Amino acid sequence: MEPIPYARAPVAAQLSFKDKRGALIAVGVICFLVAACTGCFTLATPFAMLMPNAGAGRTRQMREMIPAAAVYLILTVVTVLLGLGAVRARRWVRPVLLAVALGWMVSTVISGVIWLLLGPGFHAMMQASASTGQSAPPPGLVQSIAVVSVIVMAVIFLGIPTVVIWLLAPQDVRLTAEHFSPPAWSDGKPIHVVALSLMLATMSLAILIGITYPVFPLFGLVLSGPMAVAALLVLSAVLAVLALHVFRQRRWSWGATLVIVVFWSASMLVTSLRVSPIEMQRVAGRSQQDLDVMQRMGDGLQRTTIAFALTFGGLGIAYLLYVRRYFSSSDADAAAPAAAAESV
């Protein structure tokens, strides 16, 4: 008598690749841990807004806390969804998380190098943050806080994305997800295209979240108030549309993205050379207390602003030129280079 062939998923020995569901589950656990942290921050933010503060201080507090709560809430929802997708071995999780982790790590390294080389320095930042009339913190305390801060930041912004990339990079992870998951919206999409689309979507969302302090640099001019809000809303909408069509690998969306990156980088650079970051924040509506803190940091803020505009503008243009090969002259041929992406 033959055994009844019960329907079941093939065991690892029957697969032509190594079953990597354990790696996907580990990534899911990491996502859930991150979601737990951001969720706690989300719940704690309203209590900060309830702290006694009156008048202009109360308004300033609300303008800062509401965007912070929105960021934490969005991060919590996104990381929970990513964690669920990873635990269930969904095939769209790998390209999305690889794109996020790579962008996370690269931007952290570049920002850290710029800040360390050109920024005001940790000691200057602590002195600037201290209230007027208070004595400077002891050098030993400053060094201890700096070491702890660097370690914590390295774990969060370098350690986590490195572990995620290490777990998801093997091709067996892709084959495992494709085997145990139904077809997904990410099928056939190069990872670099997914990354570019996610970057545009993130920038669109970041503009909306930061609109509580509206400022729009325009080649040496600084728009503020309703004009800045209108310009930022238009830019956010354009970036959202581009994110969608970049994901669809439309050729015109690549060209439009390049134009926006060149325009924004040049505008930021010219404005940073002509207008100090303190003046820009004053126009945006920052409180005098915040402006005093920035003033005590010296010219380090302006140096870093110029460096960020140059570095990220140049890298953005270089990255767009690199991914140009994924945007063919015909929309029907847009998926042709997708096979090359699987080598990532």
Protein backbone atom coordinates (compact mmCIF):
# COMPACT_ATOMS: atom_id res chain seq x y z
CA MET A 1 0.00 0.00 0.00
CA GLU A 2 1.39 3.37 -1.04
CA PRO A 3 1.46 6.19 1.56
CA ILE A 4 -1.05 8.97 1.06
CA PRO A 5 0.75 11.90 -0.66
CA TYR A 6 -0.18 14.68 1.74
CA ALA A 7 0.31 18.15 0.34
CA ARG A 8 3.24 19.73 2.04
CA ALA A 9 6.08 22.11 1.25
CA PRO A 10 9.21 20.38 0.01
CA VAL A 11 11.87 19.78 2.62
CA ALA A 12 15.29 21.34 2.34
CA ALA A 13 16.83 18.12 0.96
CA GLN A 14 14.48 18.22 -2.05
CA LEU A 15 15.36 21.79 -2.98
CA SER A 16 18.01 22.74 -5.50
CA PHE A 17 19.19 25.52 -3.19
CA LYS A 18 19.82 25.98 0.51
CA ASP A 19 16.67 26.79 2.45
CA LYS A 20 17.22 30.26 3.91
CA ARG A 21 13.93 30.78 5.70
CA GLY A 22 15.90 31.00 8.94
CA ALA A 23 17.73 34.07 7.62
CA LEU A 24 14.44 35.67 6.63
CA ILE A 25 12.99 34.98 10.07
CA ALA A 26 16.08 36.54 11.67
CA VAL A 27 15.59 39.65 9.53
CA GLY A 28 11.94 39.70 10.60
CA VAL A 29 12.97 39.62 14.25
CA ILE A 30 15.33 42.57 13.66
CA CYS A 31 12.48 44.51 12.04
CA PHE A 32 10.20 43.76 14.99
CA LEU A 33 12.85 44.95 17.46
CA VAL A 34 13.26 48.20 15.54
CA ALA A 35 9.46 48.56 15.42
CA ALA A 36 9.29 48.04 19.19
CA CYS A 37 11.78 50.89 19.75
CA THR A 38 10.11 53.31 17.35
CA GLY A 39 6.73 52.33 18.75
CA CYS A 40 7.87 53.28 22.25
CA PHE A 41 9.07 56.63 20.93
CA THR A 42 5.70 57.11 19.20
CA LEU A 43 3.83 56.51 22.46
CA ALA A 44 6.22 58.69 24.47
CA THR A 45 6.00 61.72 22.16
CA PRO A 46 2.45 62.77 23.20
CA PHE A 47 3.58 62.83 26.85
CA ALA A 48 6.35 65.27 25.89
CA MET A 49 3.72 67.50 24.29
CA LEU A 50 1.73 67.45 27.54
CA MET A 51 4.63 68.92 29.51
CA PRO A 52 3.78 72.35 30.92
CA ASN A 53 4.83 75.08 28.52
CA ALA A 54 3.04 78.25 27.66
CA GLY A 55 2.85 80.82 24.92
CA ALA A 56 5.38 80.66 22.13
CA GLY A 57 7.17 77.76 23.81
CA ARG A 58 4.02 75.68 23.59
CA THR A 59 3.65 76.43 19.87
CA ARG A 60 7.30 75.60 19.24
CA GLN A 61 6.91 72.36 21.15
CA MET A 62 3.94 71.28 19.05
CA ARG A 63 5.70 72.18 15.77
CA GLU A 64 8.61 69.91 16.70
CA MET A 65 6.81 67.04 18.40
CA ILE A 66 4.09 66.42 15.80
CA PRO A 67 6.59 65.73 12.97
CA ALA A 68 8.65 63.57 15.33
CA ALA A 69 5.59 61.52 16.27
CA ALA A 70 4.69 61.16 12.58
CA VAL A 71 8.19 59.87 11.75
CA TYR A 72 8.15 57.33 14.58
CA LEU A 73 4.66 56.15 13.67
CA ILE A 74 5.54 55.69 10.00
CA LEU A 75 8.74 53.83 10.91
CA THR A 76 6.79 51.58 13.27
CA VAL A 77 4.16 50.66 10.68
CA VAL A 78 6.73 50.12 7.91
CA THR A 79 9.07 47.96 10.00
CA VAL A 80 6.17 45.83 11.26
CA LEU A 81 5.04 45.22 7.67
CA LEU A 82 8.61 44.40 6.63
CA GLY A 83 8.98 42.06 9.59
CA LEU A 84 5.76 40.22 8.75
CA GLY A 85 6.84 39.92 5.13
CA ALA A 86 10.25 38.56 6.12
CA VAL A 87 8.85 36.00 8.56
CA ARG A 88 6.40 34.82 5.87
CA ALA A 89 9.26 34.64 3.32
CA ARG A 90 7.66 37.06 0.91
CA ARG A 91 9.80 37.68 -2.15
CA TRP A 92 9.34 41.47 -2.16
CA VAL A 93 11.06 41.79 1.22
CA ARG A 94 14.58 41.09 -0.06
CA PRO A 95 14.83 43.85 -2.71
CA VAL A 96 13.10 46.39 -0.46
CA LEU A 97 15.24 45.71 2.61
CA LEU A 98 18.48 45.49 0.62
CA ALA A 99 17.72 48.87 -0.94
CA VAL A 100 16.85 50.38 2.44
CA ALA A 101 19.86 48.90 4.23
CA LEU A 102 22.33 49.93 1.52
CA GLY A 103 20.99 53.48 1.40
CA TRP A 104 20.89 53.64 5.20
CA MET A 105 24.51 52.55 5.55
CA VAL A 106 25.98 54.66 2.72
CA SER A 107 24.21 57.86 3.81
CA THR A 108 25.32 57.28 7.41
CA VAL A 109 28.97 56.84 6.45
CA ILE A 110 29.01 59.90 4.21
CA SER A 111 27.16 62.10 6.69
CA GLY A 112 29.40 60.96 9.53
CA VAL A 113 32.60 61.68 7.61
CA ILE A 114 31.37 65.14 6.58
CA TRP A 115 30.29 66.00 10.11
CA LEU A 116 33.53 64.75 11.68
CA LEU A 117 35.76 66.59 9.20
CA LEU A 118 33.85 69.84 8.79
CA GLY A 119 31.28 70.00 11.58
CA PRO A 120 31.51 72.08 14.74
CA GLY A 121 32.68 69.11 16.81
CA PHE A 122 31.04 67.29 19.71
CA HIS A 123 32.52 69.53 22.40
CA ALA A 124 31.36 72.67 20.60
CA MET A 125 27.88 71.19 20.18
CA MET A 126 27.61 70.42 23.91
CA GLN A 127 28.83 73.89 24.82
CA ALA A 128 26.38 75.44 22.40
CA SER A 129 23.50 73.40 23.82
CA ALA A 130 24.27 74.49 27.37
CA SER A 131 22.26 77.40 28.66
CA THR A 132 23.87 80.83 28.74
CA GLY A 133 25.83 81.35 31.93
CA GLN A 134 26.44 77.68 32.61
CA SER A 135 30.01 76.45 32.86
CA ALA A 136 31.40 74.26 30.11
CA PRO A 137 31.16 70.51 30.79
CA PRO A 138 34.38 68.79 31.95
CA PRO A 139 36.51 67.42 29.08
CA GLY A 140 36.35 63.90 30.53
CA LEU A 141 32.56 63.96 30.55
CA VAL A 142 32.48 65.23 26.98
CA GLN A 143 34.80 62.45 25.83
CA SER A 144 32.79 59.78 27.62
CA ILE A 145 29.52 61.00 26.13
CA ALA A 146 31.15 61.21 22.69
CA VAL A 147 32.42 57.61 22.88
CA VAL A 148 29.05 56.27 24.04
CA SER A 149 27.23 58.28 21.38
CA VAL A 150 29.52 57.01 18.61
CA ILE A 151 29.06 53.40 19.74
CA VAL A 152 25.28 53.70 19.91
CA MET A 153 25.07 55.45 16.55
CA ALA A 154 27.40 52.87 14.97
CA VAL A 155 25.21 50.01 16.18
CA ILE A 156 21.99 51.64 15.00
CA PHE A 157 23.10 53.15 11.70
CA LEU A 158 25.87 50.74 10.68
CA GLY A 159 25.47 47.51 12.63
CA ILE A 160 21.80 46.87 11.86
CA PRO A 161 21.97 47.51 8.09
CA THR A 162 25.20 45.48 7.85
CA VAL A 163 23.57 42.47 9.51
CA VAL A 164 20.49 42.80 7.29
CA ILE A 165 22.63 42.93 4.14
CA TRP A 166 24.69 39.94 5.32
CA LEU A 167 21.55 37.89 5.93
CA LEU A 168 19.75 38.82 2.70
CA ALA A 169 22.60 39.10 0.18
CA PRO A 170 23.02 35.36 -0.67
CA GLN A 171 21.20 34.24 -3.82
CA ASP A 172 19.79 31.30 -1.85
CA VAL A 173 17.68 33.83 0.06
CA ARG A 174 16.18 35.08 -3.19
CA LEU A 175 15.54 31.53 -4.40
CA THR A 176 13.97 30.59 -1.06
CA ALA A 177 11.61 33.56 -1.15
CA GLU A 178 10.69 32.89 -4.78
CA HIS A 179 9.95 29.25 -3.97
CA PHE A 180 7.83 29.74 -0.87
CA SER A 181 6.13 33.00 -1.88
CA PRO A 182 3.49 33.75 -4.53
CA PRO A 183 4.32 36.27 -7.29
CA ALA A 184 4.84 39.80 -6.00
CA TRP A 185 4.89 43.36 -7.29
CA SER A 186 8.68 43.45 -7.06
CA ASP A 187 9.25 40.57 -9.50
CA GLY A 188 11.66 41.45 -12.28
CA LYS A 189 12.59 44.81 -10.76
CA PRO A 190 16.32 45.55 -10.37
CA ILE A 191 17.30 46.35 -6.81
CA HIS A 192 18.79 49.70 -7.90
CA VAL A 193 15.45 50.71 -9.43
CA VAL A 194 13.66 49.76 -6.21
CA ALA A 195 16.23 51.78 -4.25
CA LEU A 196 15.79 54.87 -6.44
CA SER A 197 12.01 54.63 -6.19
CA LEU A 198 12.16 54.29 -2.41
CA MET A 199 14.53 57.27 -2.13
CA LEU A 200 12.13 59.46 -4.09
CA ALA A 201 9.17 58.30 -2.01
CA THR A 202 11.10 58.93 1.21
CA MET A 203 12.09 62.43 0.09
CA SER A 204 8.47 63.19 -0.79
CA LEU A 205 7.31 62.07 2.65
CA ALA A 206 10.15 63.88 4.44
CA ILE A 207 9.17 67.16 2.79
CA LEU A 208 5.61 66.80 4.07
CA ILE A 209 6.76 65.95 7.58
CA GLY A 210 9.19 68.88 7.72
CA ILE A 211 6.72 71.42 6.40
CA THR A 212 6.06 72.73 9.91
CA TYR A 213 9.20 74.84 9.42
CA PRO A 214 8.72 75.81 5.77
CA VAL A 215 11.73 77.09 3.87
CA PHE A 216 12.55 76.70 0.17
CA PRO A 217 16.05 77.62 -1.09
CA LEU A 218 15.99 79.05 -4.61
CA PHE A 219 19.44 79.98 -5.96
CA GLY A 220 20.32 82.44 -3.23
CA LEU A 221 16.76 83.39 -2.36
CA VAL A 222 14.91 81.83 0.57
CA LEU A 223 11.16 81.43 0.25
CA SER A 224 9.20 81.23 3.49
CA GLY A 225 5.63 81.23 4.70
CA PRO A 226 2.80 80.32 2.29
CA MET A 227 5.07 80.56 -0.76
CA ALA A 228 7.47 78.01 0.72
CA VAL A 229 4.61 75.73 1.74
CA ALA A 230 3.18 75.81 -1.78
CA ALA A 231 6.59 75.12 -3.35
CA LEU A 232 7.27 72.26 -0.95
CA LEU A 233 3.85 70.69 -1.58
CA VAL A 234 4.41 70.82 -5.33
CA LEU A 235 7.89 69.32 -4.97
CA SER A 236 6.56 66.57 -2.70
CA ALA A 237 3.81 65.70 -5.19
CA VAL A 238 6.28 65.63 -8.10
CA LEU A 239 8.65 63.33 -6.19
CA ALA A 240 5.77 61.00 -5.33
CA VAL A 241 4.75 60.74 -8.98
CA LEU A 242 8.36 60.16 -10.01
CA ALA A 243 8.74 57.43 -7.39
CA LEU A 244 5.85 55.53 -8.97
CA HIS A 245 7.04 55.89 -12.55
CA VAL A 246 10.68 55.22 -11.71
CA PHE A 247 9.53 51.91 -10.25
CA ARG A 248 7.75 51.25 -13.55
CA GLN A 249 11.05 52.10 -15.29
CA ARG A 250 9.66 54.85 -17.49
CA ARG A 251 12.45 56.59 -19.35
CA TRP A 252 11.00 60.08 -18.92
CA SER A 253 10.91 59.60 -15.12
CA TRP A 254 14.67 59.01 -15.08
CA GLY A 255 15.26 62.23 -17.03
CA ALA A 256 12.88 64.21 -14.82
CA THR A 257 14.58 62.86 -11.69
CA LEU A 258 17.98 63.91 -13.03
CA VAL A 259 16.69 67.43 -13.74
CA ILE A 260 15.28 67.75 -10.21
CA VAL A 261 18.47 66.46 -8.57
CA VAL A 262 20.64 68.89 -10.56
CA PHE A 263 18.23 71.77 -9.91
CA TRP A 264 17.90 71.10 -6.17
CA SER A 265 21.62 70.48 -5.62
CA ALA A 266 22.62 73.64 -7.48
CA SER A 267 19.97 75.68 -5.68
CA MET A 268 21.09 74.36 -2.28
CA LEU A 269 24.74 75.01 -3.07
CA VAL A 270 24.20 78.58 -4.28
CA THR A 271 21.91 79.38 -1.36
CA SER A 272 24.32 77.85 1.17
CA LEU A 273 27.13 80.01 -0.19
CA ARG A 274 25.06 83.20 0.00
CA VAL A 275 22.83 82.62 3.03
CA SER A 276 23.95 81.23 6.37
CA PRO A 277 22.05 78.21 7.74
CA ILE A 278 21.17 80.29 10.80
CA GLU A 279 19.42 82.84 8.61
CA MET A 280 17.59 80.08 6.77
CA GLN A 281 16.34 78.64 10.05
CA ARG A 282 15.32 82.11 11.24
CA VAL A 283 13.25 82.56 8.09
CA ALA A 284 11.77 79.10 8.63
CA GLY A 285 10.44 80.23 12.01
CA ARG A 286 12.87 78.72 14.49
CA SER A 287 12.86 80.19 17.98
CA GLN A 288 15.54 82.59 19.13
CA GLN A 289 16.72 79.98 21.60
CA ASP A 290 17.42 77.53 18.76
CA LEU A 291 19.13 80.25 16.74
CA ASP A 292 21.36 81.13 19.69
CA VAL A 293 22.44 77.49 19.98
CA MET A 294 23.31 77.41 16.26
CA GLN A 295 25.16 80.70 16.54
CA ARG A 296 27.39 79.34 19.31
CA MET A 297 28.43 76.43 17.04
CA GLY A 298 30.40 78.81 14.81
CA ASP A 299 30.81 78.41 11.07
CA GLY A 300 30.82 74.60 11.22
CA LEU A 301 27.14 74.50 10.27
CA GLN A 302 27.70 76.41 7.04
CA ARG A 303 30.67 74.23 6.09
CA THR A 304 28.66 71.06 6.56
CA THR A 305 25.69 72.49 4.66
CA ILE A 306 27.88 73.27 1.66
CA ALA A 307 29.59 69.87 1.90
CA PHE A 308 26.24 68.06 2.03
CA ALA A 309 24.98 69.92 -1.02
CA LEU A 310 28.14 69.12 -3.00
CA THR A 311 28.53 65.51 -1.87
CA PHE A 312 24.96 64.27 -2.03
CA GLY A 313 24.28 66.25 -5.21
CA GLY A 314 27.29 64.71 -6.92
CA LEU A 315 26.54 61.22 -5.66
CA GLY A 316 22.90 61.55 -6.69
CA ILE A 317 23.86 62.51 -10.24
CA ALA A 318 26.44 59.70 -10.40
CA TYR A 319 23.91 57.15 -9.14
CA LEU A 320 21.33 58.27 -11.70
CA LEU A 321 23.88 57.89 -14.49
CA TYR A 322 24.68 54.40 -13.18
CA VAL A 323 21.04 53.23 -13.16
CA ARG A 324 20.37 54.77 -16.59
CA ARG A 325 20.81 51.30 -18.14
CA TYR A 326 17.61 50.11 -16.46
CA PHE A 327 15.52 52.73 -18.26
CA SER A 328 15.30 51.73 -21.92
CA SER A 329 14.08 53.81 -24.84
CA SER A 330 10.87 51.82 -24.88
CA ASP A 331 8.63 51.12 -21.91
CA ALA A 332 7.99 47.66 -23.28
CA ASP A 333 11.72 46.90 -23.05
CA ALA A 334 12.12 48.39 -19.56
CA ALA A 335 12.32 45.02 -17.82
CA ALA A 336 15.12 43.75 -20.11
CA PRO A 337 18.04 44.53 -17.77
CA ALA A 338 16.21 43.05 -14.77
CA ALA A 339 18.18 39.82 -14.96
CA ALA A 340 21.37 41.75 -14.31
CA ALA A 341 19.94 42.96 -11.01
CA GLU A 342 19.84 39.45 -9.62
CA SER A 343 23.62 39.50 -9.32
CA VAL A 344 23.27 42.06 -6.53
